[in-house]
Amino acid sequence: MVFVRIREAKEEDCGNILRLIRVKFAGQKTGFQRGSERRGWRGPELAEFEELSDQVKISEEELRADGFGENPFYYCLVAESLPSPGEPQGSCLVGYGLYYFIYSTWKGRSIYLEDIYVKPEYRGQGIGSKIIKKVAEVALDKGCSQFRLSVLDWNKKAMDLYKDLGAQDLSEAEGWHSFRFEEEAMRKLAEK
């Protein structure tokens, strides 16, 4: 078992976070750090895992600007694998949890976990649970009364984990459906 610590992301982590989000980073030259292939950067990551790789449009520059500016749109925790003493390789990111604050008209302050991801070879070691627990700590520290997240309907392992940790499935319990307006739909709405 590898030793992993959960910490707040730093601006310099954005390239590695993006690699965890994207699919094509294995052979990608832009922003690819020399030596990262030795630290386990391989294979499809979150977008392909969720079968949504064609929807990834974010850039490293946008991640930096949106998460580390004066008024950040998001916050991020990273799971960092730490080398054993005497191990020649340095630390590397093996997962992340990206979250932001929302407001419930019924309950007030809330936190929303937009993404949680752990590289496949590091799963089953409690890393995802540690990220979720840390987000819960942040939520409580900020006075939030709810911690929300979504999961794709085919990801049974994730649903089981969330339920085991105490989350309530709102689709089952309350019948909620999630909707979103994409940019083009928003433009059409704004013109009306």
N, C-alpha and C. Protein backbone atom coordinates (compact mmCIF):
# COMPACT_ATOMS: atom_id res chain seq x y z
N MET A 1 0.84 -1.18 0.00
CA MET A 1 0.00 0.00 0.00
C MET A 1 0.88 1.24 0.00
N VAL A 2 0.49 2.21 -0.79
CA VAL A 2 1.23 3.44 -0.93
C VAL A 2 0.73 4.46 0.09
N PHE A 3 1.62 5.34 0.54
CA PHE A 3 1.21 6.39 1.46
C PHE A 3 0.73 7.58 0.63
N VAL A 4 -0.48 8.04 0.91
CA VAL A 4 -1.07 9.15 0.17
C VAL A 4 -1.54 10.20 1.16
N ARG A 5 -1.27 11.45 0.84
CA ARG A 5 -1.81 12.53 1.67
C ARG A 5 -2.78 13.34 0.83
N ILE A 6 -3.80 13.85 1.48
CA ILE A 6 -4.79 14.71 0.84
C ILE A 6 -4.44 16.13 1.23
N ARG A 7 -4.30 16.99 0.24
CA ARG A 7 -3.93 18.38 0.50
C ARG A 7 -4.68 19.29 -0.47
N GLU A 8 -4.69 20.58 -0.15
CA GLU A 8 -5.27 21.56 -1.07
C GLU A 8 -4.38 21.64 -2.30
N ALA A 9 -5.02 21.75 -3.45
CA ALA A 9 -4.27 21.89 -4.69
C ALA A 9 -3.56 23.24 -4.71
N LYS A 10 -2.43 23.26 -5.38
CA LYS A 10 -1.68 24.49 -5.61
C LYS A 10 -1.78 24.83 -7.09
N GLU A 11 -1.54 26.06 -7.41
CA GLU A 11 -1.63 26.48 -8.81
C GLU A 11 -0.76 25.62 -9.72
N GLU A 12 0.40 25.24 -9.25
CA GLU A 12 1.30 24.43 -10.08
C GLU A 12 0.80 22.99 -10.28
N ASP A 13 -0.25 22.59 -9.59
CA ASP A 13 -0.85 21.26 -9.79
C ASP A 13 -1.79 21.21 -10.99
N CYS A 14 -2.15 22.37 -11.55
CA CYS A 14 -3.19 22.40 -12.58
C CYS A 14 -2.89 21.51 -13.78
N GLY A 15 -1.64 21.47 -14.22
CA GLY A 15 -1.29 20.60 -15.35
C GLY A 15 -1.56 19.13 -15.04
N ASN A 16 -1.19 18.71 -13.85
CA ASN A 16 -1.41 17.32 -13.47
C ASN A 16 -2.89 17.02 -13.23
N ILE A 17 -3.63 17.98 -12.70
CA ILE A 17 -5.07 17.80 -12.52
C ILE A 17 -5.73 17.65 -13.89
N LEU A 18 -5.33 18.49 -14.83
CA LEU A 18 -5.90 18.40 -16.17
C LEU A 18 -5.59 17.04 -16.80
N ARG A 19 -4.39 16.54 -16.58
CA ARG A 19 -4.05 15.21 -17.11
C ARG A 19 -4.94 14.12 -16.52
N LEU A 20 -5.34 14.29 -15.27
CA LEU A 20 -6.25 13.33 -14.67
C LEU A 20 -7.65 13.46 -15.28
N ILE A 21 -7.99 14.62 -15.76
CA ILE A 21 -9.29 14.85 -16.37
C ILE A 21 -9.32 14.37 -17.82
N ARG A 22 -8.27 14.63 -18.55
CA ARG A 22 -8.24 14.36 -19.99
C ARG A 22 -7.93 12.93 -20.35
N VAL A 23 -8.17 12.63 -21.61
CA VAL A 23 -7.95 11.29 -22.14
C VAL A 23 -6.63 11.17 -22.86
N LYS A 24 -6.24 12.15 -23.61
CA LYS A 24 -5.14 12.02 -24.56
C LYS A 24 -3.77 12.38 -24.00
N PHE A 25 -3.61 12.46 -22.71
CA PHE A 25 -2.36 12.98 -22.19
C PHE A 25 -1.19 12.02 -22.34
N ALA A 26 -1.40 10.76 -22.58
CA ALA A 26 -0.30 9.79 -22.64
C ALA A 26 0.75 10.19 -23.67
N GLY A 27 0.31 10.67 -24.82
CA GLY A 27 1.26 11.08 -25.85
C GLY A 27 1.26 12.58 -26.04
N GLN A 28 0.57 13.29 -25.20
CA GLN A 28 0.40 14.72 -25.34
C GLN A 28 1.71 15.44 -25.04
N LYS A 29 2.06 16.41 -25.88
CA LYS A 29 3.30 17.16 -25.69
C LYS A 29 3.04 18.45 -24.91
N THR A 30 1.92 19.08 -25.12
CA THR A 30 1.64 20.36 -24.46
C THR A 30 1.49 20.16 -22.97
N GLY A 31 2.36 20.75 -22.20
CA GLY A 31 2.26 20.68 -20.75
C GLY A 31 2.69 19.34 -20.15
N PHE A 32 3.15 18.41 -20.97
CA PHE A 32 3.56 17.11 -20.46
C PHE A 32 4.91 17.25 -19.77
N GLN A 33 4.98 16.90 -18.52
CA GLN A 33 6.22 17.07 -17.77
C GLN A 33 7.16 15.89 -18.00
N ARG A 34 8.38 16.20 -18.33
CA ARG A 34 9.38 15.16 -18.54
C ARG A 34 9.47 14.29 -17.30
N GLY A 35 9.45 13.00 -17.51
CA GLY A 35 9.56 12.07 -16.40
C GLY A 35 8.22 11.64 -15.84
N SER A 36 7.14 12.32 -16.25
CA SER A 36 5.84 11.97 -15.68
C SER A 36 5.39 10.59 -16.11
N GLU A 37 5.86 10.11 -17.27
CA GLU A 37 5.49 8.76 -17.69
C GLU A 37 6.05 7.72 -16.73
N ARG A 38 7.14 8.03 -16.06
CA ARG A 38 7.71 7.10 -15.07
C ARG A 38 6.92 7.12 -13.77
N ARG A 39 6.15 8.19 -13.55
CA ARG A 39 5.39 8.31 -12.32
C ARG A 39 3.96 7.84 -12.48
N GLY A 40 3.66 7.13 -13.55
CA GLY A 40 2.35 6.53 -13.69
C GLY A 40 1.33 7.28 -14.51
N TRP A 41 1.72 8.30 -15.29
CA TRP A 41 0.76 8.99 -16.14
C TRP A 41 0.53 8.13 -17.37
N ARG A 42 -0.53 7.37 -17.38
CA ARG A 42 -0.84 6.54 -18.54
C ARG A 42 -2.34 6.25 -18.55
N GLY A 43 -2.81 5.89 -19.71
CA GLY A 43 -4.18 5.43 -19.84
C GLY A 43 -5.21 6.53 -19.71
N PRO A 44 -6.45 6.21 -20.09
CA PRO A 44 -7.52 7.19 -20.01
C PRO A 44 -7.86 7.54 -18.58
N GLU A 45 -8.25 8.76 -18.37
CA GLU A 45 -8.58 9.20 -17.02
C GLU A 45 -10.07 9.52 -16.92
N LEU A 46 -10.44 10.47 -16.10
CA LEU A 46 -11.83 10.69 -15.72
C LEU A 46 -12.79 10.77 -16.91
N ALA A 47 -12.48 11.60 -17.88
CA ALA A 47 -13.44 11.79 -18.97
C ALA A 47 -13.74 10.50 -19.71
N GLU A 48 -12.72 9.71 -19.98
CA GLU A 48 -12.97 8.45 -20.68
C GLU A 48 -13.63 7.44 -19.75
N PHE A 49 -13.25 7.45 -18.48
CA PHE A 49 -13.88 6.56 -17.50
C PHE A 49 -15.39 6.82 -17.47
N GLU A 50 -15.78 8.07 -17.54
CA GLU A 50 -17.19 8.43 -17.53
C GLU A 50 -17.81 8.38 -18.91
N GLU A 51 -17.03 7.97 -19.92
CA GLU A 51 -17.49 7.87 -21.30
C GLU A 51 -17.96 9.21 -21.84
N LEU A 52 -17.27 10.28 -21.44
CA LEU A 52 -17.64 11.63 -21.85
C LEU A 52 -16.43 12.41 -22.36
N SER A 53 -15.42 11.72 -22.92
CA SER A 53 -14.17 12.39 -23.28
C SER A 53 -14.35 13.49 -24.31
N ASP A 54 -15.36 13.40 -25.16
CA ASP A 54 -15.57 14.43 -26.17
C ASP A 54 -16.06 15.74 -25.58
N GLN A 55 -16.46 15.74 -24.32
CA GLN A 55 -16.98 16.95 -23.69
C GLN A 55 -15.92 17.78 -22.96
N VAL A 56 -14.70 17.28 -22.84
CA VAL A 56 -13.65 18.00 -22.11
C VAL A 56 -13.13 19.14 -22.98
N LYS A 57 -13.37 20.36 -22.55
CA LYS A 57 -12.95 21.56 -23.30
C LYS A 57 -12.04 22.46 -22.48
N ILE A 58 -11.89 22.19 -21.21
CA ILE A 58 -11.14 23.05 -20.30
C ILE A 58 -9.64 23.01 -20.63
N SER A 59 -8.96 24.13 -20.39
CA SER A 59 -7.51 24.19 -20.59
C SER A 59 -6.82 24.37 -19.24
N GLU A 60 -5.52 24.15 -19.24
CA GLU A 60 -4.75 24.37 -18.01
C GLU A 60 -4.82 25.83 -17.59
N GLU A 61 -4.78 26.74 -18.56
CA GLU A 61 -4.84 28.17 -18.25
C GLU A 61 -6.17 28.52 -17.58
N GLU A 62 -7.27 27.92 -18.08
CA GLU A 62 -8.57 28.17 -17.48
C GLU A 62 -8.64 27.61 -16.06
N LEU A 63 -8.08 26.43 -15.87
CA LEU A 63 -8.04 25.86 -14.51
C LEU A 63 -7.30 26.79 -13.56
N ARG A 64 -6.18 27.32 -14.01
CA ARG A 64 -5.40 28.25 -13.18
C ARG A 64 -6.21 29.51 -12.85
N ALA A 65 -6.76 30.13 -13.89
CA ALA A 65 -7.49 31.39 -13.70
C ALA A 65 -8.74 31.19 -12.85
N ASP A 66 -9.45 30.10 -13.08
CA ASP A 66 -10.72 29.89 -12.39
C ASP A 66 -10.58 29.37 -10.96
N GLY A 67 -9.45 28.74 -10.66
CA GLY A 67 -9.29 28.18 -9.32
C GLY A 67 -8.33 28.94 -8.42
N PHE A 68 -7.55 29.83 -8.99
CA PHE A 68 -6.51 30.46 -8.19
C PHE A 68 -6.48 31.98 -8.34
N GLY A 69 -7.57 32.54 -8.82
CA GLY A 69 -7.68 33.99 -8.94
C GLY A 69 -8.19 34.60 -7.65
N GLU A 70 -8.57 35.86 -7.73
CA GLU A 70 -9.05 36.59 -6.56
C GLU A 70 -10.37 36.02 -6.02
N ASN A 71 -11.26 35.64 -6.92
CA ASN A 71 -12.55 35.05 -6.54
C ASN A 71 -12.69 33.70 -7.23
N PRO A 72 -12.11 32.65 -6.66
CA PRO A 72 -12.11 31.35 -7.34
C PRO A 72 -13.52 30.78 -7.57
N PHE A 73 -13.69 30.17 -8.74
CA PHE A 73 -14.94 29.49 -9.07
C PHE A 73 -14.98 28.10 -8.46
N TYR A 74 -13.82 27.54 -8.16
CA TYR A 74 -13.75 26.20 -7.59
C TYR A 74 -12.57 26.09 -6.64
N TYR A 75 -12.58 25.01 -5.86
CA TYR A 75 -11.47 24.64 -4.99
C TYR A 75 -11.16 23.18 -5.29
N CYS A 76 -9.98 22.77 -4.96
CA CYS A 76 -9.60 21.40 -5.32
C CYS A 76 -8.70 20.80 -4.25
N LEU A 77 -8.96 19.55 -3.95
CA LEU A 77 -8.08 18.76 -3.10
C LEU A 77 -7.39 17.74 -4.00
N VAL A 78 -6.15 17.44 -3.70
CA VAL A 78 -5.44 16.42 -4.46
C VAL A 78 -4.97 15.31 -3.53
N ALA A 79 -4.91 14.12 -4.09
CA ALA A 79 -4.34 12.96 -3.40
C ALA A 79 -2.94 12.79 -3.98
N GLU A 80 -1.96 12.94 -3.11
CA GLU A 80 -0.57 12.91 -3.55
C GLU A 80 0.11 11.67 -2.98
N SER A 81 0.64 10.86 -3.87
CA SER A 81 1.40 9.67 -3.49
C SER A 81 2.79 10.12 -3.07
N LEU A 82 3.20 9.73 -1.87
CA LEU A 82 4.52 10.12 -1.37
C LEU A 82 5.47 8.94 -1.49
N PRO A 83 6.70 9.21 -1.93
CA PRO A 83 7.66 8.11 -2.10
C PRO A 83 8.13 7.56 -0.75
N SER A 84 8.48 6.30 -0.77
CA SER A 84 9.09 5.69 0.41
C SER A 84 10.50 6.22 0.55
N PRO A 85 11.06 6.23 1.77
CA PRO A 85 12.44 6.70 1.94
C PRO A 85 13.39 5.93 1.02
N GLY A 86 14.24 6.65 0.33
CA GLY A 86 15.20 6.03 -0.56
C GLY A 86 14.67 5.75 -1.95
N GLU A 87 13.40 5.98 -2.18
CA GLU A 87 12.81 5.75 -3.50
C GLU A 87 13.22 6.90 -4.41
N PRO A 88 13.71 6.59 -5.63
CA PRO A 88 14.22 7.63 -6.51
C PRO A 88 13.14 8.54 -7.10
N GLN A 89 11.92 8.05 -7.24
CA GLN A 89 10.86 8.86 -7.84
C GLN A 89 10.26 9.80 -6.81
N GLY A 90 9.84 10.95 -7.29
CA GLY A 90 9.20 11.91 -6.41
C GLY A 90 7.74 11.60 -6.21
N SER A 91 7.05 12.51 -5.57
CA SER A 91 5.61 12.34 -5.35
C SER A 91 4.87 12.56 -6.66
N CYS A 92 3.64 12.07 -6.73
CA CYS A 92 2.80 12.31 -7.90
C CYS A 92 1.34 12.34 -7.48
N LEU A 93 0.52 13.02 -8.26
CA LEU A 93 -0.90 13.10 -7.98
C LEU A 93 -1.58 11.84 -8.50
N VAL A 94 -2.40 11.24 -7.64
CA VAL A 94 -3.09 10.01 -8.00
C VAL A 94 -4.61 10.18 -7.96
N GLY A 95 -5.07 11.37 -7.59
CA GLY A 95 -6.50 11.63 -7.55
C GLY A 95 -6.77 13.07 -7.18
N TYR A 96 -8.04 13.45 -7.30
CA TYR A 96 -8.43 14.80 -6.91
C TYR A 96 -9.92 14.85 -6.61
N GLY A 97 -10.31 15.90 -5.91
CA GLY A 97 -11.71 16.21 -5.68
C GLY A 97 -11.90 17.70 -5.90
N LEU A 98 -12.72 18.06 -6.89
CA LEU A 98 -12.93 19.46 -7.23
C LEU A 98 -14.32 19.86 -6.74
N TYR A 99 -14.40 20.92 -5.95
CA TYR A 99 -15.66 21.31 -5.33
C TYR A 99 -15.85 22.82 -5.35
N TYR A 100 -17.07 23.24 -5.06
CA TYR A 100 -17.39 24.66 -4.94
C TYR A 100 -18.59 24.80 -4.01
N PHE A 101 -18.88 26.02 -3.65
CA PHE A 101 -19.96 26.29 -2.71
C PHE A 101 -21.22 26.69 -3.48
N ILE A 102 -22.36 26.21 -3.00
CA ILE A 102 -23.66 26.52 -3.57
C ILE A 102 -24.58 26.95 -2.43
N TYR A 103 -25.79 27.31 -2.78
CA TYR A 103 -26.72 27.75 -1.76
C TYR A 103 -28.07 27.08 -1.97
N SER A 104 -28.61 26.50 -0.93
CA SER A 104 -29.91 25.87 -0.96
C SER A 104 -30.94 26.81 -0.35
N THR A 105 -32.04 27.03 -1.06
CA THR A 105 -33.08 27.90 -0.51
C THR A 105 -33.78 27.25 0.68
N TRP A 106 -33.61 25.96 0.85
CA TRP A 106 -34.20 25.25 1.98
C TRP A 106 -33.24 25.10 3.14
N LYS A 107 -31.94 24.91 2.83
CA LYS A 107 -30.97 24.57 3.89
C LYS A 107 -29.83 25.57 4.05
N GLY A 108 -29.70 26.51 3.12
CA GLY A 108 -28.62 27.49 3.23
C GLY A 108 -27.32 27.01 2.60
N ARG A 109 -26.21 27.32 3.24
CA ARG A 109 -24.89 27.01 2.70
C ARG A 109 -24.73 25.52 2.43
N SER A 110 -24.17 25.23 1.25
CA SER A 110 -23.93 23.85 0.83
C SER A 110 -22.64 23.78 0.05
N ILE A 111 -22.13 22.58 -0.11
CA ILE A 111 -20.93 22.35 -0.91
C ILE A 111 -21.28 21.32 -1.96
N TYR A 112 -20.70 21.47 -3.15
CA TYR A 112 -20.96 20.54 -4.26
C TYR A 112 -19.63 19.97 -4.74
N LEU A 113 -19.52 18.67 -4.70
CA LEU A 113 -18.33 17.98 -5.21
C LEU A 113 -18.56 17.68 -6.68
N GLU A 114 -17.96 18.47 -7.55
CA GLU A 114 -18.15 18.36 -8.99
C GLU A 114 -17.50 17.10 -9.54
N ASP A 115 -16.28 16.84 -9.13
CA ASP A 115 -15.54 15.67 -9.60
C ASP A 115 -14.78 15.05 -8.46
N ILE A 116 -14.75 13.74 -8.45
CA ILE A 116 -13.83 13.00 -7.60
C ILE A 116 -13.27 11.89 -8.46
N TYR A 117 -11.96 11.76 -8.45
CA TYR A 117 -11.33 10.76 -9.31
C TYR A 117 -10.06 10.23 -8.64
N VAL A 118 -9.88 8.92 -8.73
CA VAL A 118 -8.66 8.26 -8.26
C VAL A 118 -8.20 7.36 -9.40
N LYS A 119 -6.92 7.42 -9.73
CA LYS A 119 -6.37 6.59 -10.80
C LYS A 119 -6.66 5.11 -10.51
N PRO A 120 -6.99 4.35 -11.53
CA PRO A 120 -7.39 2.94 -11.34
C PRO A 120 -6.42 2.11 -10.50
N GLU A 121 -5.14 2.29 -10.71
CA GLU A 121 -4.17 1.46 -9.98
C GLU A 121 -4.07 1.83 -8.50
N TYR A 122 -4.71 2.93 -8.08
CA TYR A 122 -4.69 3.34 -6.68
C TYR A 122 -6.04 3.16 -5.99
N ARG A 123 -7.01 2.63 -6.71
CA ARG A 123 -8.34 2.43 -6.12
C ARG A 123 -8.32 1.27 -5.13
N GLY A 124 -9.31 1.26 -4.25
CA GLY A 124 -9.43 0.19 -3.27
C GLY A 124 -8.54 0.38 -2.05
N GLN A 125 -7.92 1.56 -1.94
CA GLN A 125 -7.03 1.85 -0.81
C GLN A 125 -7.60 2.93 0.11
N GLY A 126 -8.84 3.32 -0.13
CA GLY A 126 -9.47 4.32 0.72
C GLY A 126 -9.18 5.76 0.35
N ILE A 127 -8.55 5.99 -0.79
CA ILE A 127 -8.18 7.35 -1.19
C ILE A 127 -9.41 8.18 -1.50
N GLY A 128 -10.36 7.62 -2.23
CA GLY A 128 -11.60 8.33 -2.53
C GLY A 128 -12.35 8.71 -1.27
N SER A 129 -12.41 7.78 -0.33
CA SER A 129 -13.07 8.06 0.95
C SER A 129 -12.37 9.20 1.70
N LYS A 130 -11.04 9.22 1.64
CA LYS A 130 -10.29 10.29 2.31
C LYS A 130 -10.60 11.65 1.68
N ILE A 131 -10.71 11.68 0.35
CA ILE A 131 -11.05 12.94 -0.33
C ILE A 131 -12.44 13.40 0.10
N ILE A 132 -13.40 12.47 0.10
CA ILE A 132 -14.78 12.80 0.48
C ILE A 132 -14.83 13.28 1.92
N LYS A 133 -14.12 12.62 2.81
CA LYS A 133 -14.10 13.04 4.22
C LYS A 133 -13.51 14.44 4.37
N LYS A 134 -12.48 14.74 3.59
CA LYS A 134 -11.86 16.06 3.65
C LYS A 134 -12.82 17.14 3.14
N VAL A 135 -13.57 16.84 2.08
CA VAL A 135 -14.56 17.80 1.58
C VAL A 135 -15.63 18.02 2.66
N ALA A 136 -16.03 16.96 3.35
CA ALA A 136 -17.01 17.10 4.44
C ALA A 136 -16.46 18.00 5.55
N GLU A 137 -15.19 17.86 5.88
CA GLU A 137 -14.56 18.72 6.88
C GLU A 137 -14.60 20.19 6.45
N VAL A 138 -14.25 20.44 5.17
CA VAL A 138 -14.29 21.80 4.64
C VAL A 138 -15.71 22.36 4.76
N ALA A 139 -16.70 21.54 4.36
CA ALA A 139 -18.10 21.97 4.41
C ALA A 139 -18.50 22.36 5.83
N LEU A 140 -18.17 21.54 6.78
CA LEU A 140 -18.52 21.83 8.17
C LEU A 140 -17.80 23.08 8.67
N ASP A 141 -16.52 23.22 8.31
CA ASP A 141 -15.76 24.41 8.71
C ASP A 141 -16.37 25.69 8.16
N LYS A 142 -16.99 25.61 6.98
CA LYS A 142 -17.60 26.78 6.34
C LYS A 142 -19.07 26.95 6.69
N GLY A 143 -19.58 26.12 7.60
CA GLY A 143 -20.96 26.25 8.04
C GLY A 143 -21.99 25.69 7.06
N CYS A 144 -21.59 24.76 6.23
CA CYS A 144 -22.51 24.17 5.26
C CYS A 144 -23.39 23.12 5.93
N SER A 145 -24.64 23.04 5.48
CA SER A 145 -25.57 22.05 6.03
C SER A 145 -25.75 20.86 5.10
N GLN A 146 -25.23 20.96 3.87
CA GLN A 146 -25.36 19.87 2.91
C GLN A 146 -24.07 19.71 2.12
N PHE A 147 -23.85 18.48 1.68
CA PHE A 147 -22.73 18.11 0.82
C PHE A 147 -23.37 17.34 -0.33
N ARG A 148 -23.34 17.92 -1.52
CA ARG A 148 -24.00 17.31 -2.67
C ARG A 148 -22.99 16.85 -3.70
N LEU A 149 -23.36 15.83 -4.45
CA LEU A 149 -22.58 15.33 -5.57
C LEU A 149 -23.49 14.54 -6.48
N SER A 150 -23.04 14.30 -7.69
CA SER A 150 -23.79 13.51 -8.66
C SER A 150 -22.92 12.35 -9.11
N VAL A 151 -23.58 11.32 -9.61
CA VAL A 151 -22.86 10.16 -10.12
C VAL A 151 -23.64 9.62 -11.31
N LEU A 152 -22.92 9.13 -12.31
CA LEU A 152 -23.58 8.54 -13.47
C LEU A 152 -24.28 7.25 -13.07
N ASP A 153 -25.41 6.99 -13.69
CA ASP A 153 -26.26 5.88 -13.26
C ASP A 153 -25.61 4.50 -13.39
N TRP A 154 -24.58 4.35 -14.21
CA TRP A 154 -23.93 3.05 -14.38
C TRP A 154 -22.79 2.82 -13.37
N ASN A 155 -22.40 3.86 -12.62
CA ASN A 155 -21.26 3.74 -11.72
C ASN A 155 -21.71 3.22 -10.34
N LYS A 156 -22.05 1.96 -10.31
CA LYS A 156 -22.58 1.32 -9.10
C LYS A 156 -21.58 1.34 -7.95
N LYS A 157 -20.29 1.14 -8.24
CA LYS A 157 -19.27 1.15 -7.17
C LYS A 157 -19.27 2.49 -6.44
N ALA A 158 -19.32 3.57 -7.21
CA ALA A 158 -19.33 4.90 -6.59
C ALA A 158 -20.61 5.10 -5.77
N MET A 159 -21.75 4.71 -6.34
CA MET A 159 -23.01 4.85 -5.61
C MET A 159 -22.97 4.08 -4.30
N ASP A 160 -22.44 2.88 -4.34
CA ASP A 160 -22.34 2.07 -3.13
C ASP A 160 -21.43 2.73 -2.10
N LEU A 161 -20.31 3.28 -2.57
CA LEU A 161 -19.39 3.97 -1.65
C LEU A 161 -20.08 5.16 -0.99
N TYR A 162 -20.75 5.98 -1.78
CA TYR A 162 -21.40 7.16 -1.23
C TYR A 162 -22.45 6.77 -0.20
N LYS A 163 -23.23 5.75 -0.52
CA LYS A 163 -24.25 5.27 0.43
C LYS A 163 -23.60 4.73 1.70
N ASP A 164 -22.51 3.97 1.53
CA ASP A 164 -21.79 3.43 2.70
C ASP A 164 -21.26 4.54 3.60
N LEU A 165 -20.90 5.68 2.98
CA LEU A 165 -20.38 6.81 3.75
C LEU A 165 -21.49 7.68 4.34
N GLY A 166 -22.75 7.35 4.01
CA GLY A 166 -23.88 8.06 4.61
C GLY A 166 -24.66 8.97 3.69
N ALA A 167 -24.32 9.01 2.40
CA ALA A 167 -25.06 9.87 1.47
C ALA A 167 -26.43 9.27 1.16
N GLN A 168 -27.36 10.14 0.87
CA GLN A 168 -28.72 9.72 0.48
C GLN A 168 -28.87 9.90 -1.02
N ASP A 169 -29.38 8.89 -1.72
CA ASP A 169 -29.62 8.96 -3.16
C ASP A 169 -30.92 9.74 -3.39
N LEU A 170 -30.81 10.99 -3.83
CA LEU A 170 -31.98 11.83 -4.02
C LEU A 170 -32.86 11.38 -5.18
N SER A 171 -32.27 10.68 -6.15
CA SER A 171 -33.08 10.14 -7.24
C SER A 171 -34.06 9.11 -6.71
N GLU A 172 -33.58 8.26 -5.80
CA GLU A 172 -34.43 7.24 -5.20
C GLU A 172 -35.37 7.86 -4.17
N ALA A 173 -34.84 8.70 -3.30
CA ALA A 173 -35.61 9.22 -2.16
C ALA A 173 -36.61 10.30 -2.53
N GLU A 174 -36.22 11.20 -3.45
CA GLU A 174 -37.07 12.36 -3.73
C GLU A 174 -37.44 12.52 -5.20
N GLY A 175 -36.86 11.68 -6.06
CA GLY A 175 -37.20 11.74 -7.48
C GLY A 175 -36.63 12.92 -8.24
N TRP A 176 -35.55 13.52 -7.77
CA TRP A 176 -34.94 14.64 -8.45
C TRP A 176 -34.32 14.21 -9.78
N HIS A 177 -34.41 15.07 -10.77
CA HIS A 177 -33.73 14.89 -12.05
C HIS A 177 -32.80 16.08 -12.22
N SER A 178 -31.65 15.84 -12.78
CA SER A 178 -30.66 16.89 -12.97
C SER A 178 -30.72 17.39 -14.41
N PHE A 179 -30.73 18.71 -14.60
CA PHE A 179 -30.75 19.32 -15.92
C PHE A 179 -29.60 20.32 -16.02
N ARG A 180 -29.22 20.64 -17.27
CA ARG A 180 -28.24 21.70 -17.48
C ARG A 180 -28.51 22.37 -18.81
N PHE A 181 -28.17 23.64 -18.89
CA PHE A 181 -28.22 24.40 -20.13
C PHE A 181 -26.79 24.55 -20.62
N GLU A 182 -26.50 24.09 -21.82
CA GLU A 182 -25.19 24.28 -22.43
C GLU A 182 -25.10 25.71 -22.96
N GLU A 183 -23.91 26.13 -23.38
CA GLU A 183 -23.68 27.52 -23.78
C GLU A 183 -24.63 27.97 -24.88
N GLU A 184 -24.83 27.16 -25.91
CA GLU A 184 -25.71 27.55 -27.01
C GLU A 184 -27.14 27.77 -26.52
N ALA A 185 -27.62 26.89 -25.67
CA ALA A 185 -28.96 27.05 -25.11
C ALA A 185 -29.06 28.32 -24.26
N MET A 186 -27.99 28.62 -23.52
CA MET A 186 -27.99 29.85 -22.72
C MET A 186 -28.03 31.08 -23.62
N ARG A 187 -27.29 31.04 -24.73
CA ARG A 187 -27.29 32.18 -25.67
C ARG A 187 -28.70 32.40 -26.22
N LYS A 188 -29.35 31.32 -26.60
CA LYS A 188 -30.72 31.44 -27.13
C LYS A 188 -31.67 32.00 -26.07
N LEU A 189 -31.52 31.55 -24.84
CA LEU A 189 -32.35 32.06 -23.75
C LEU A 189 -32.12 33.55 -23.53
N ALA A 190 -30.85 33.94 -23.54
CA ALA A 190 -30.49 35.33 -23.28
C ALA A 190 -31.01 36.26 -24.38
N GLU A 191 -31.16 35.75 -25.60
CA GLU A 191 -31.65 36.57 -26.73
C GLU A 191 -33.15 36.76 -26.68
N LYS A 192 -33.86 35.91 -25.97
CA LYS A 192 -35.33 35.98 -25.94
C LYS A 192 -35.81 37.12 -25.07
